Amino acid sequence: MNDIMYPADEIEKSFATLDRTPAPLGHPMVNGVFLSASDPEGINLGWIGAWNENVRRENGRVFLDKVIDVEIANRSEGGKAVLSAIDKGEPVHTSTGLLAQLEAANGDVSYSHIARDLVFDHDAILLNEKGAATPEQGVGMMVNSKGEKEEIAVINSSLSDIDQEIDWAGTRLVEALRRKDNLSVWERMKSAIIEAISSEREPVANRKEADMTVSKEQFDELSAKVNTLSEGLDKIGETIANAVQTAVKPLTDNLATIQNNQKAKDDAELAGLVEKIVKANILDEDSAKELTLNAARKLAEKATPGKAAPLNGAFTGNADKPAFKLPEGDK
């Protein structure tokens, strides 16, 4: 193919390297140069969520499965085109991309090189171009050596998505069964209540003993469940209150300690201020003890040396006034 000879023994040694390789749409190429389909640029150019799997060799021919993640394929126009081609059921061309050591051919042969030490990089899907080997030769998607259609196998999601779907389905099932059970209890309870209060129920004398026995057992069972439910509801408030109290207890204890320490500090300061006020003869001891801390702080400022109100500097006494004289004859 392409003027290169690929010997059977070289293919035998290397075909397994096709397993888990990308299956891009076309061979990735930048500026006329082929790229590996696993190269970041190659992934951007050709990735449509398809890869090669289950590679095997039978009777000298290599077979593999193309696995396509439908969700990923539907995110690109190329992926959608591949899915559309598969839906049509017509053969699709494919073409391998590989690395090899090229050995010059000698002699009168129809090829110029011989490929050695093959390492397969990808097996591309071709829509608007033909591969070196064609579906007519049994090479491509959905064909075998007889030209018959092969089985189509695609996947819709990854294993992690499947696990999530199973979890979701299981959760919904458990929830539905729980609702059904609760509904069954309510339906039986409702029937018993209706039967108990209905004015149109048949007289007790006309009821069969077996019916009465079953009805009583059902009613007793429902009554027990109602009592249990009522007791649980009665305790909900208590349970919540206890939980909240337990959760905030460390906070309230810490706050109480802080408050107690601050009160002791304030009491000591007030006692000192009272003593200071009494010594300064501003108030007697009993009156001073009735002061609040803020009031005591204000009054204590007046007892601090150097804090007394200054004298009026404009007052000069009688120095500038004439001396006062008594009337004559007076002393």
C-alpha atoms as a PDB file:
ATOM      1  CA  MET A   1       0.000   0.000   0.000  1.00  0.00           C
ATOM      2  CA  ASN A   2       1.158   3.533  -0.892  1.00  0.00           C
ATOM      3  CA  ASP A   3       4.275   2.039  -2.560  1.00  0.00           C
ATOM      4  CA  ILE A   4       5.259   0.373   0.733  1.00  0.00           C
ATOM      5  CA  MET A   5       5.401  -3.348   1.448  1.00  0.00           C
ATOM      6  CA  TYR A   6       4.037  -4.442   4.852  1.00  0.00           C
ATOM      7  CA  PRO A   7       5.319  -8.005   5.435  1.00  0.00           C
ATOM      8  CA  ALA A   8       2.985 -10.461   7.180  1.00  0.00           C
ATOM      9  CA  ASP A   9       5.539 -11.241   9.900  1.00  0.00           C
ATOM     10  CA  GLU A  10       5.862  -7.527  10.744  1.00  0.00           C
ATOM     11  CA  ILE A  11       2.077  -7.215  11.027  1.00  0.00           C
ATOM     12  CA  GLU A  12       2.000 -10.330  13.218  1.00  0.00           C
ATOM     13  CA  LYS A  13       4.478  -8.723  15.627  1.00  0.00           C
ATOM     14  CA  SER A  14       2.712  -5.343  15.780  1.00  0.00           C
ATOM     15  CA  PHE A  15      -1.054  -5.621  15.212  1.00  0.00           C
ATOM     16  CA  ALA A  16      -1.775  -5.731  18.961  1.00  0.00           C
ATOM     17  CA  THR A  17      -0.551  -2.113  19.275  1.00  0.00           C
ATOM     18  CA  LEU A  18      -3.822  -1.073  17.630  1.00  0.00           C
ATOM     19  CA  ASP A  19      -5.738  -1.930  20.806  1.00  0.00           C
ATOM     20  CA  ARG A  20      -7.146   1.124  22.641  1.00  0.00           C
ATOM     21  CA  THR A  21      -5.871   3.553  20.014  1.00  0.00           C
ATOM     22  CA  PRO A  22      -7.967   6.525  18.826  1.00  0.00           C
ATOM     23  CA  ALA A  23     -10.280   6.223  15.841  1.00  0.00           C
ATOM     24  CA  PRO A  24     -10.282   9.849  14.636  1.00  0.00           C
ATOM     25  CA  LEU A  25     -12.326  11.247  11.780  1.00  0.00           C
ATOM     26  CA  GLY A  26      -9.622  11.395   9.120  1.00  0.00           C
ATOM     27  CA  HIS A  27      -5.863  11.404   9.648  1.00  0.00           C
ATOM     28  CA  PRO A  28      -4.882  14.449  11.783  1.00  0.00           C
ATOM     29  CA  MET A  29      -2.742  16.823   9.734  1.00  0.00           C
ATOM     30  CA  VAL A  30      -1.266  20.306  10.327  1.00  0.00           C
ATOM     31  CA  ASN A  31       0.355  22.271   7.505  1.00  0.00           C
ATOM     32  CA  GLY A  32       0.510  19.180   5.352  1.00  0.00           C
ATOM     33  CA  VAL A  33       2.251  17.112   8.033  1.00  0.00           C
ATOM     34  CA  PHE A  34       0.580  14.094   9.644  1.00  0.00           C
ATOM     35  CA  LEU A  35       0.261  14.111  13.438  1.00  0.00           C
ATOM     36  CA  SER A  36      -0.252  11.387  15.981  1.00  0.00           C
ATOM     37  CA  ALA A  37      -3.944  11.055  16.847  1.00  0.00           C
ATOM     38  CA  SER A  38      -2.847  11.149  20.507  1.00  0.00           C
ATOM     39  CA  ASP A  39      -1.010  14.464  20.085  1.00  0.00           C
ATOM     40  CA  PRO A  40      -2.936  17.392  21.672  1.00  0.00           C
ATOM     41  CA  GLU A  41      -3.401  19.020  18.255  1.00  0.00           C
ATOM     42  CA  GLY A  42      -4.266  15.662  16.735  1.00  0.00           C
ATOM     43  CA  ILE A  43      -6.935  15.114  19.399  1.00  0.00           C
ATOM     44  CA  ASN A  44      -8.431  18.532  18.722  1.00  0.00           C
ATOM     45  CA  LEU A  45      -8.571  17.861  14.988  1.00  0.00           C
ATOM     46  CA  GLY A  46      -9.955  14.332  14.843  1.00  0.00           C
ATOM     47  CA  TRP A  47     -11.448  13.176  18.145  1.00  0.00           C
ATOM     48  CA  ILE A  48     -15.140  12.233  17.910  1.00  0.00           C
ATOM     49  CA  GLY A  49     -15.331   9.893  20.908  1.00  0.00           C
ATOM     50  CA  ALA A  50     -14.308   6.757  18.970  1.00  0.00           C
ATOM     51  CA  TRP A  51     -11.528   4.265  19.595  1.00  0.00           C
ATOM     52  CA  ASN A  52     -10.334   0.774  18.581  1.00  0.00           C
ATOM     53  CA  GLU A  53     -10.802  -2.234  20.802  1.00  0.00           C
ATOM     54  CA  ASN A  54     -10.710  -6.039  20.879  1.00  0.00           C
ATOM     55  CA  VAL A  55      -7.977  -6.326  18.234  1.00  0.00           C
ATOM     56  CA  ARG A  56      -7.389  -9.880  16.947  1.00  0.00           C
ATOM     57  CA  ARG A  57      -5.865 -11.652  13.952  1.00  0.00           C
ATOM     58  CA  GLU A  58      -7.628 -14.481  12.164  1.00  0.00           C
ATOM     59  CA  ASN A  59      -6.396 -16.284   9.049  1.00  0.00           C
ATOM     60  CA  GLY A  60      -3.881 -13.563   8.278  1.00  0.00           C
ATOM     61  CA  ARG A  61      -6.387 -10.716   8.629  1.00  0.00           C
ATOM     62  CA  VAL A  62      -6.663  -8.169  11.494  1.00  0.00           C
ATOM     63  CA  PHE A  63     -10.078  -7.463  12.984  1.00  0.00           C
ATOM     64  CA  LEU A  64     -11.053  -4.858  15.564  1.00  0.00           C
ATOM     65  CA  ASP A  65     -14.145  -3.216  17.038  1.00  0.00           C
ATOM     66  CA  LYS A  66     -14.870   0.474  16.673  1.00  0.00           C
ATOM     67  CA  VAL A  67     -16.328   1.753  19.929  1.00  0.00           C
ATOM     68  CA  ILE A  68     -18.196   5.073  19.737  1.00  0.00           C
ATOM     69  CA  ASP A  69     -19.422   7.135  22.661  1.00  0.00           C
ATOM     70  CA  VAL A  70     -22.637   8.508  21.189  1.00  0.00           C
ATOM     71  CA  GLU A  71     -22.834  11.419  23.613  1.00  0.00           C
ATOM     72  CA  ILE A  72     -19.338  12.636  22.672  1.00  0.00           C
ATOM     73  CA  ALA A  73     -19.938  12.025  18.968  1.00  0.00           C
ATOM     74  CA  ASN A  74     -23.075  14.163  19.023  1.00  0.00           C
ATOM     75  CA  ARG A  75     -21.060  17.147  20.257  1.00  0.00           C
ATOM     76  CA  SER A  76     -19.387  17.702  16.883  1.00  0.00           C
ATOM     77  CA  GLU A  77     -20.551  17.872  13.296  1.00  0.00           C
ATOM     78  CA  GLY A  78     -18.002  15.230  12.311  1.00  0.00           C
ATOM     79  CA  GLY A  79     -19.234  12.881  15.012  1.00  0.00           C
ATOM     80  CA  LYS A  80     -22.831  13.357  13.926  1.00  0.00           C
ATOM     81  CA  ALA A  81     -21.835  12.599  10.328  1.00  0.00           C
ATOM     82  CA  VAL A  82     -20.205   9.326  11.411  1.00  0.00           C
ATOM     83  CA  LEU A  83     -23.305   8.289  13.361  1.00  0.00           C
ATOM     84  CA  SER A  84     -25.453   9.137  10.345  1.00  0.00           C
ATOM     85  CA  ALA A  85     -23.253   6.990   8.083  1.00  0.00           C
ATOM     86  CA  ILE A  86     -23.552   4.095  10.523  1.00  0.00           C
ATOM     87  CA  ASP A  87     -27.338   4.471  10.639  1.00  0.00           C
ATOM     88  CA  LYS A  88     -27.425   4.097   6.872  1.00  0.00           C
ATOM     89  CA  GLY A  89     -25.772   0.689   7.249  1.00  0.00           C
ATOM     90  CA  GLU A  90     -23.376   1.226   4.386  1.00  0.00           C
ATOM     91  CA  PRO A  91     -19.682   0.275   4.532  1.00  0.00           C
ATOM     92  CA  VAL A  92     -17.356   3.046   5.755  1.00  0.00           C
ATOM     93  CA  HIS A  93     -13.718   3.392   4.717  1.00  0.00           C
ATOM     94  CA  THR A  94     -11.000   3.193   7.385  1.00  0.00           C
ATOM     95  CA  SER A  95      -7.252   3.733   7.272  1.00  0.00           C
ATOM     96  CA  THR A  96      -4.467   3.013   9.742  1.00  0.00           C
ATOM     97  CA  GLY A  97      -1.834   5.514  10.808  1.00  0.00           C
ATOM     98  CA  LEU A  98       1.466   4.052  12.037  1.00  0.00           C
ATOM     99  CA  LEU A  99       5.140   4.594  12.711  1.00  0.00           C
ATOM    100  CA  ALA A 100       7.681   2.367  11.006  1.00  0.00           C
ATOM    101  CA  GLN A 101      11.289   2.020   9.950  1.00  0.00           C
ATOM    102  CA  LEU A 102      11.374   2.178   6.145  1.00  0.00           C
ATOM    103  CA  GLU A 103      13.878  -0.082   4.476  1.00  0.00           C
ATOM    104  CA  ALA A 104      14.733   0.543   0.860  1.00  0.00           C
ATOM    105  CA  ALA A 105      13.531  -2.225  -1.455  1.00  0.00           C
ATOM    106  CA  ASN A 106      16.033  -3.940  -3.724  1.00  0.00           C
ATOM    107  CA  GLY A 107      15.378  -5.702  -6.959  1.00  0.00           C
ATOM    108  CA  ASP A 108      12.612  -5.642  -9.478  1.00  0.00           C
ATOM    109  CA  VAL A 109       9.607  -5.165  -7.164  1.00  0.00           C
ATOM    110  CA  SER A 110       6.470  -3.050  -7.297  1.00  0.00           C
ATOM    111  CA  TYR A 111       7.241  -1.121  -4.080  1.00  0.00           C
ATOM    112  CA  SER A 112      10.015   1.243  -3.066  1.00  0.00           C
ATOM    113  CA  HIS A 113      10.241   0.491   0.676  1.00  0.00           C
ATOM    114  CA  ILE A 114       9.628  -2.247   3.208  1.00  0.00           C
ATOM    115  CA  ALA A 115       8.052  -1.290   6.574  1.00  0.00           C
ATOM    116  CA  ARG A 116       9.763  -2.704   9.669  1.00  0.00           C
ATOM    117  CA  ASP A 117       9.111  -2.403  13.441  1.00  0.00           C
ATOM    118  CA  LEU A 118       5.530  -1.167  13.064  1.00  0.00           C
ATOM    119  CA  VAL A 119       3.796   0.727  15.846  1.00  0.00           C
ATOM    120  CA  PHE A 120       0.157   1.542  15.111  1.00  0.00           C
ATOM    121  CA  ASP A 121      -0.972   5.025  16.184  1.00  0.00           C
ATOM    122  CA  HIS A 122      -4.623   4.975  15.118  1.00  0.00           C
ATOM    123  CA  ASP A 123      -7.197   3.617  12.707  1.00  0.00           C
ATOM    124  CA  ALA A 124      -9.039   6.550  11.204  1.00  0.00           C
ATOM    125  CA  ILE A 125     -12.633   6.703  10.011  1.00  0.00           C
ATOM    126  CA  LEU A 126     -12.920   8.146   6.495  1.00  0.00           C
ATOM    127  CA  LEU A 127     -16.153   9.619   5.174  1.00  0.00           C
ATOM    128  CA  ASN A 128     -15.238  11.784   2.189  1.00  0.00           C
ATOM    129  CA  GLU A 129     -12.081   9.963   1.107  1.00  0.00           C
ATOM    130  CA  LYS A 130     -11.013   6.462   0.282  1.00  0.00           C
ATOM    131  CA  GLY A 131      -8.569   4.332   2.224  1.00  0.00           C
ATOM    132  CA  ALA A 132      -5.578   2.559   0.710  1.00  0.00           C
ATOM    133  CA  ALA A 133      -7.529  -0.670   1.257  1.00  0.00           C
ATOM    134  CA  THR A 134     -11.263  -0.451   0.580  1.00  0.00           C
ATOM    135  CA  PRO A 135     -14.504  -2.057   1.815  1.00  0.00           C
ATOM    136  CA  GLU A 136     -14.618  -3.931  -1.500  1.00  0.00           C
ATOM    137  CA  GLN A 137     -11.438  -5.643  -0.348  1.00  0.00           C
ATOM    138  CA  GLY A 138     -13.003  -6.367   3.025  1.00  0.00           C
ATOM    139  CA  VAL A 139     -11.348  -3.413   4.793  1.00  0.00           C
ATOM    140  CA  GLY A 140     -13.496  -0.838   6.592  1.00  0.00           C
ATOM    141  CA  MET A 141     -16.349  -0.539   9.052  1.00  0.00           C
ATOM    142  CA  MET A 142     -19.333  -2.882   8.911  1.00  0.00           C
ATOM    143  CA  VAL A 143     -17.722  -5.237   6.383  1.00  0.00           C
ATOM    144  CA  ASN A 144     -15.828  -8.507   6.491  1.00  0.00           C
ATOM    145  CA  SER A 145     -13.977 -10.463   3.884  1.00  0.00           C
ATOM    146  CA  LYS A 146     -17.268 -11.468   2.273  1.00  0.00           C
ATOM    147  CA  GLY A 147     -18.628  -7.956   2.226  1.00  0.00           C
ATOM    148  CA  GLU A 148     -21.285  -8.755   4.803  1.00  0.00           C
ATOM    149  CA  LYS A 149     -22.411  -6.286   7.420  1.00  0.00           C
ATOM    150  CA  GLU A 150     -20.792  -6.652  10.812  1.00  0.00           C
ATOM    151  CA  GLU A 151     -22.509  -6.111  14.149  1.00  0.00           C
ATOM    152  CA  ILE A 152     -22.769  -2.473  15.169  1.00  0.00           C
ATOM    153  CA  ALA A 153     -21.753  -1.800  18.790  1.00  0.00           C
ATOM    154  CA  VAL A 154     -21.828   1.665  20.353  1.00  0.00           C
ATOM    155  CA  ILE A 155     -21.834   2.885  23.955  1.00  0.00           C
ATOM    156  CA  ASN A 156     -23.706   5.828  25.403  1.00  0.00           C
ATOM    157  CA  SER A 157     -21.738   6.720  28.497  1.00  0.00           C
ATOM    158  CA  SER A 158     -18.693   5.985  30.613  1.00  0.00           C
ATOM    159  CA  LEU A 159     -18.642   3.580  33.544  1.00  0.00           C
ATOM    160  CA  SER A 160     -18.788   6.468  36.031  1.00  0.00           C
ATOM    161  CA  ASP A 161     -21.968   7.715  34.367  1.00  0.00           C
ATOM    162  CA  ILE A 162     -23.430   4.220  34.562  1.00  0.00           C
ATOM    163  CA  ASP A 163     -22.666   4.049  38.281  1.00  0.00           C
ATOM    164  CA  GLN A 164     -24.393   7.387  38.782  1.00  0.00           C
ATOM    165  CA  GLU A 165     -27.445   6.192  36.865  1.00  0.00           C
ATOM    166  CA  ILE A 166     -27.597   3.006  38.955  1.00  0.00           C
ATOM    167  CA  ASP A 167     -27.339   5.024  42.170  1.00  0.00           C
ATOM    168  CA  TRP A 168     -30.046   7.383  40.977  1.00  0.00           C
ATOM    169  CA  ALA A 169     -32.349   4.526  39.949  1.00  0.00           C
ATOM    170  CA  GLY A 170     -31.778   2.687  43.226  1.00  0.00           C
ATOM    171  CA  THR A 171     -32.468   5.783  45.290  1.00  0.00           C
ATOM    172  CA  ARG A 172     -35.655   6.460  43.383  1.00  0.00           C
ATOM    173  CA  LEU A 173     -36.760   2.837  43.850  1.00  0.00           C
ATOM    174  CA  VAL A 174     -36.205   2.934  47.610  1.00  0.00           C
ATOM    175  CA  GLU A 175     -38.053   6.227  47.841  1.00  0.00           C
ATOM    176  CA  ALA A 176     -40.967   4.873  45.790  1.00  0.00           C
ATOM    177  CA  LEU A 177     -41.211   1.738  47.958  1.00  0.00           C
ATOM    178  CA  ARG A 178     -41.201   3.866  51.090  1.00  0.00           C
ATOM    179  CA  ARG A 179     -43.984   6.058  49.730  1.00  0.00           C
ATOM    180  CA  LYS A 180     -45.938   2.982  48.706  1.00  0.00           C
ATOM    181  CA  ASP A 181     -45.596   1.511  52.196  1.00  0.00           C
ATOM    182  CA  ASN A 182     -46.704   4.750  53.825  1.00  0.00           C
ATOM    183  CA  LEU A 183     -49.619   4.984  51.412  1.00  0.00           C
ATOM    184  CA  SER A 184     -50.622   1.418  52.226  1.00  0.00           C
ATOM    185  CA  VAL A 185     -50.651   2.213  55.938  1.00  0.00           C
ATOM    186  CA  TRP A 186     -52.722   5.327  55.335  1.00  0.00           C
ATOM    187  CA  GLU A 187     -55.179   3.518  53.090  1.00  0.00           C
ATOM    188  CA  ARG A 188     -55.752   0.892  55.739  1.00  0.00           C
ATOM    189  CA  MET A 189     -56.042   3.560  58.408  1.00  0.00           C
ATOM    190  CA  LYS A 190     -58.483   5.540  56.297  1.00  0.00           C
ATOM    191  CA  SER A 191     -60.592   2.461  55.676  1.00  0.00           C
ATOM    192  CA  ALA A 192     -60.712   1.716  59.382  1.00  0.00           C
ATOM    193  CA  ILE A 193     -61.650   5.292  60.242  1.00  0.00           C
ATOM    194  CA  ILE A 194     -64.351   5.421  57.597  1.00  0.00           C
ATOM    195  CA  GLU A 195     -65.671   2.110  58.733  1.00  0.00           C
ATOM    196  CA  ALA A 196     -65.695   3.241  62.353  1.00  0.00           C
ATOM    197  CA  ILE A 197     -67.590   6.492  61.807  1.00  0.00           C
ATOM    198  CA  SER A 198     -69.699   5.721  58.769  1.00  0.00           C
ATOM    199  CA  SER A 199     -73.399   5.829  59.526  1.00  0.00           C
ATOM    200  CA  GLU A 200     -74.102   3.603  56.558  1.00  0.00           C
ATOM    201  CA  ARG A 201     -72.014   0.599  57.650  1.00  0.00           C
ATOM    202  CA  GLU A 202     -73.942  -2.596  58.196  1.00  0.00           C
ATOM    203  CA  PRO A 203     -75.127  -3.428  61.719  1.00  0.00           C
ATOM    204  CA  VAL A 204     -72.733  -5.391  63.870  1.00  0.00           C
ATOM    205  CA  ALA A 205     -75.257  -8.187  64.219  1.00  0.00           C
ATOM    206  CA  ASN A 206     -75.155  -8.781  60.461  1.00  0.00           C
ATOM    207  CA  ARG A 207     -71.364  -9.003  60.255  1.00  0.00           C
ATOM    208  CA  LYS A 208     -69.589 -12.319  60.134  1.00  0.00           C
ATOM    209  CA  GLU A 209     -67.425 -13.199  63.093  1.00  0.00           C
ATOM    210  CA  ALA A 210     -64.398 -13.694  60.850  1.00  0.00           C
ATOM    211  CA  ASP A 211     -64.812 -10.208  59.374  1.00  0.00           C
ATOM    212  CA  MET A 212     -65.064  -8.703  62.849  1.00  0.00           C
ATOM    213  CA  THR A 213     -61.878 -10.470  63.944  1.00  0.00           C
ATOM    214  CA  VAL A 214     -59.844  -9.287  60.950  1.00  0.00           C
ATOM    215  CA  SER A 215     -61.141  -5.748  61.267  1.00  0.00           C
ATOM    216  CA  LYS A 216     -60.234  -5.634  64.943  1.00  0.00           C
ATOM    217  CA  GLU A 217     -56.714  -6.894  64.296  1.00  0.00           C
ATOM    218  CA  GLN A 218     -56.213  -4.335  61.545  1.00  0.00           C
ATOM    219  CA  PHE A 219     -57.588  -1.571  63.720  1.00  0.00           C
ATOM    220  CA  ASP A 220     -55.362  -2.590  66.643  1.00  0.00           C
ATOM    221  CA  GLU A 221     -52.347  -2.653  64.348  1.00  0.00           C
ATOM    222  CA  LEU A 222     -53.131   0.761  62.936  1.00  0.00           C
ATOM    223  CA  SER A 223     -53.832   2.150  66.388  1.00  0.00           C
ATOM    224  CA  ALA A 224     -50.422   0.954  67.571  1.00  0.00           C
ATOM    225  CA  LYS A 225     -48.724   2.605  64.587  1.00  0.00           C
ATOM    226  CA  VAL A 226     -50.636   5.835  65.181  1.00  0.00           C
ATOM    227  CA  ASN A 227     -49.598   5.807  68.856  1.00  0.00           C
ATOM    228  CA  THR A 228     -45.982   5.203  67.917  1.00  0.00           C
ATOM    229  CA  LEU A 229     -46.113   8.028  65.391  1.00  0.00           C
ATOM    230  CA  SER A 230     -47.722  10.367  67.927  1.00  0.00           C
ATOM    231  CA  GLU A 231     -45.096   9.545  70.528  1.00  0.00           C
ATOM    232  CA  GLY A 232     -42.359  10.227  67.984  1.00  0.00           C
ATOM    233  CA  LEU A 233     -43.901  13.569  67.065  1.00  0.00           C
ATOM    234  CA  ASP A 234     -44.227  14.519  70.729  1.00  0.00           C
ATOM    235  CA  LYS A 235     -40.534  13.871  71.261  1.00  0.00           C
ATOM    236  CA  ILE A 236     -39.328  15.737  68.177  1.00  0.00           C
ATOM    237  CA  GLY A 237     -39.409  19.099  69.940  1.00  0.00           C
ATOM    238  CA  GLU A 238     -37.603  17.703  72.969  1.00  0.00           C
ATOM    239  CA  THR A 239     -34.986  16.007  70.792  1.00  0.00           C
ATOM    240  CA  ILE A 240     -34.294  19.166  68.804  1.00  0.00           C
ATOM    241  CA  ALA A 241     -34.120  21.271  71.958  1.00  0.00           C
ATOM    242  CA  ASN A 242     -31.635  18.866  73.576  1.00  0.00           C
ATOM    243  CA  ALA A 243     -29.493  18.796  70.436  1.00  0.00           C
ATOM    244  CA  VAL A 244     -29.400  22.601  70.228  1.00  0.00           C
ATOM    245  CA  GLN A 245     -28.666  22.922  73.944  1.00  0.00           C
ATOM    246  CA  THR A 246     -25.789  20.445  73.699  1.00  0.00           C
ATOM    247  CA  ALA A 247     -24.361  22.223  70.661  1.00  0.00           C
ATOM    248  CA  VAL A 248     -24.411  25.729  72.197  1.00  0.00           C
ATOM    249  CA  LYS A 249     -23.424  24.736  75.764  1.00  0.00           C
ATOM    250  CA  PRO A 250     -19.682  25.321  75.189  1.00  0.00           C
ATOM    251  CA  LEU A 251     -20.497  28.786  73.850  1.00  0.00           C
ATOM    252  CA  THR A 252     -22.794  29.723  76.741  1.00  0.00           C
ATOM    253  CA  ASP A 253     -20.309  28.395  79.306  1.00  0.00           C
ATOM    254  CA  ASN A 254     -17.524  30.437  77.750  1.00  0.00           C
ATOM    255  CA  LEU A 255     -19.718  33.552  77.675  1.00  0.00           C
ATOM    256  CA  ALA A 256     -20.647  33.088  81.345  1.00  0.00           C
ATOM    257  CA  THR A 257     -16.966  32.833  82.292  1.00  0.00           C
ATOM    258  CA  ILE A 258     -16.144  36.012  80.390  1.00  0.00           C
ATOM    259  CA  GLN A 259     -19.057  37.839  81.990  1.00  0.00           C
ATOM    260  CA  ASN A 260     -18.048  36.691  85.501  1.00  0.00           C
ATOM    261  CA  ASN A 261     -14.449  37.761  84.992  1.00  0.00           C
ATOM    262  CA  GLN A 262     -15.543  41.175  83.715  1.00  0.00           C
ATOM    263  CA  LYS A 263     -17.919  41.671  86.695  1.00  0.00           C
ATOM    264  CA  ALA A 264     -15.141  40.857  89.155  1.00  0.00           C
ATOM    265  CA  LYS A 265     -12.889  43.332  87.400  1.00  0.00           C
ATOM    266  CA  ASP A 266     -15.587  46.047  87.407  1.00  0.00           C
ATOM    267  CA  ASP A 267     -16.370  45.452  91.119  1.00  0.00           C
ATOM    268  CA  ALA A 268     -12.712  45.835  92.043  1.00  0.00           C
ATOM    269  CA  GLU A 269     -12.425  49.052  90.038  1.00  0.00           C
ATOM    270  CA  LEU A 270     -15.618  50.474  91.621  1.00  0.00           C
ATOM    271  CA  ALA A 271     -14.352  49.687  95.127  1.00  0.00           C
ATOM    272  CA  GLY A 272     -11.126  51.574  94.431  1.00  0.00           C
ATOM    273  CA  LEU A 273     -12.992  54.568  93.033  1.00  0.00           C
ATOM    274  CA  VAL A 274     -15.356  54.687  96.016  1.00  0.00           C
ATOM    275  CA  GLU A 275     -12.413  54.729  98.404  1.00  0.00           C
ATOM    276  CA  LYS A 276     -10.829  57.539  96.404  1.00  0.00           C
ATOM    277  CA  ILE A 277     -14.044  59.594  96.352  1.00  0.00           C
ATOM    278  CA  VAL A 278     -14.565  59.196 100.103  1.00  0.00           C
ATOM    279  CA  LYS A 279     -10.958  60.194 100.896  1.00  0.00           C
ATOM    280  CA  ALA A 280     -11.408  63.323  98.778  1.00  0.00           C
ATOM    281  CA  ASN A 281     -14.519  64.205 100.820  1.00  0.00           C
ATOM    282  CA  ILE A 282     -16.615  64.374  97.678  1.00  0.00           C
ATOM    283  CA  LEU A 283     -19.231  61.949  99.067  1.00  0.00           C
ATOM    284  CA  ASP A 284     -19.669  59.971 102.229  1.00  0.00           C
ATOM    285  CA  GLU A 285     -19.018  56.217 102.046  1.00  0.00           C
ATOM    286  CA  ASP A 286     -22.688  55.127 101.912  1.00  0.00           C
ATOM    287  CA  SER A 287     -23.518  57.527  99.081  1.00  0.00           C
ATOM    288  CA  ALA A 288     -20.372  56.614  97.174  1.00  0.00           C
ATOM    289  CA  LYS A 289     -21.226  52.887  97.334  1.00  0.00           C
ATOM    290  CA  GLU A 290     -24.514  53.578  95.540  1.00  0.00           C
ATOM    291  CA  LEU A 291     -22.728  55.006  92.508  1.00  0.00           C
ATOM    292  CA  THR A 292     -22.523  53.087  89.233  1.00  0.00           C
ATOM    293  CA  LEU A 293     -19.102  52.434  87.759  1.00  0.00           C
ATOM    294  CA  ASN A 294     -19.429  55.152  85.118  1.00  0.00           C
ATOM    295  CA  ALA A 295     -20.631  57.711  87.689  1.00  0.00           C
ATOM    296  CA  ALA A 296     -17.797  56.782  90.034  1.00  0.00           C
ATOM    297  CA  ARG A 297     -15.287  57.261  87.237  1.00  0.00           C
ATOM    298  CA  LYS A 298     -16.593  60.782  86.595  1.00  0.00           C
ATOM    299  CA  LEU A 299     -16.500  61.803  90.245  1.00  0.00           C
ATOM    300  CA  ALA A 300     -13.091  60.241  90.771  1.00  0.00           C
ATOM    301  CA  GLU A 301     -11.667  62.625  88.203  1.00  0.00           C
ATOM    302  CA  LYS A 302     -12.421  65.485  90.612  1.00  0.00           C
ATOM    303  CA  ALA A 303     -10.418  63.751  93.327  1.00  0.00           C
ATOM    304  CA  THR A 304      -7.307  63.449  91.205  1.00  0.00           C
ATOM    305  CA  PRO A 305      -4.567  66.000  92.068  1.00  0.00           C
ATOM    306  CA  GLY A 306      -4.248  68.724  89.495  1.00  0.00           C
ATOM    307  CA  LYS A 307      -7.811  68.194  88.253  1.00  0.00           C
ATOM    308  CA  ALA A 308      -9.465  70.899  90.406  1.00  0.00           C
ATOM    309  CA  ALA A 309     -11.161  73.766  88.583  1.00  0.00           C
ATOM    310  CA  PRO A 310      -8.680  76.610  88.006  1.00  0.00           C
ATOM    311  CA  LEU A 311      -9.192  79.979  89.665  1.00  0.00           C
ATOM    312  CA  ASN A 312     -10.360  82.897  87.524  1.00  0.00           C
ATOM    313  CA  GLY A 313      -7.175  84.607  86.389  1.00  0.00           C
ATOM    314  CA  ALA A 314      -9.027  87.886  85.923  1.00  0.00           C
ATOM    315  CA  PHE A 315      -9.697  88.266  89.647  1.00  0.00           C
ATOM    316  CA  THR A 316      -7.215  90.744  91.200  1.00  0.00           C
ATOM    317  CA  GLY A 317      -8.859  91.498  94.526  1.00  0.00           C
ATOM    318  CA  ASN A 318      -9.136  95.199  95.688  1.00  0.00           C
ATOM    319  CA  ALA A 319      -5.662  96.241  94.676  1.00  0.00           C
ATOM    320  CA  ASP A 320      -6.888  98.720  92.091  1.00  0.00           C
ATOM    321  CA  LYS A 321      -9.754 100.126  94.156  1.00  0.00           C
ATOM    322  CA  PRO A 322      -9.515 102.953  96.702  1.00  0.00           C
ATOM    323  CA  ALA A 323      -9.345 101.857 100.304  1.00  0.00           C
ATOM    324  CA  PHE A 324     -12.662 101.710 102.089  1.00  0.00           C
ATOM    325  CA  LYS A 325     -12.921 104.302 104.807  1.00  0.00           C
ATOM    326  CA  LEU A 326     -15.343 104.235 107.684  1.00  0.00           C
ATOM    327  CA  PRO A 327     -17.297 107.430 108.270  1.00  0.00           C
ATOM    328  CA  GLU A 328     -15.784 109.587 110.811  1.00  0.00           C
ATOM    329  CA  GLY A 329     -16.856 108.705 114.305  1.00  0.00           C
ATOM    330  CA  ASP A 330     -17.214 105.049 113.376  1.00  0.00           C
ATOM    331  CA  LYS A 331     -14.673 102.397 114.130  1.00  0.00           C
END
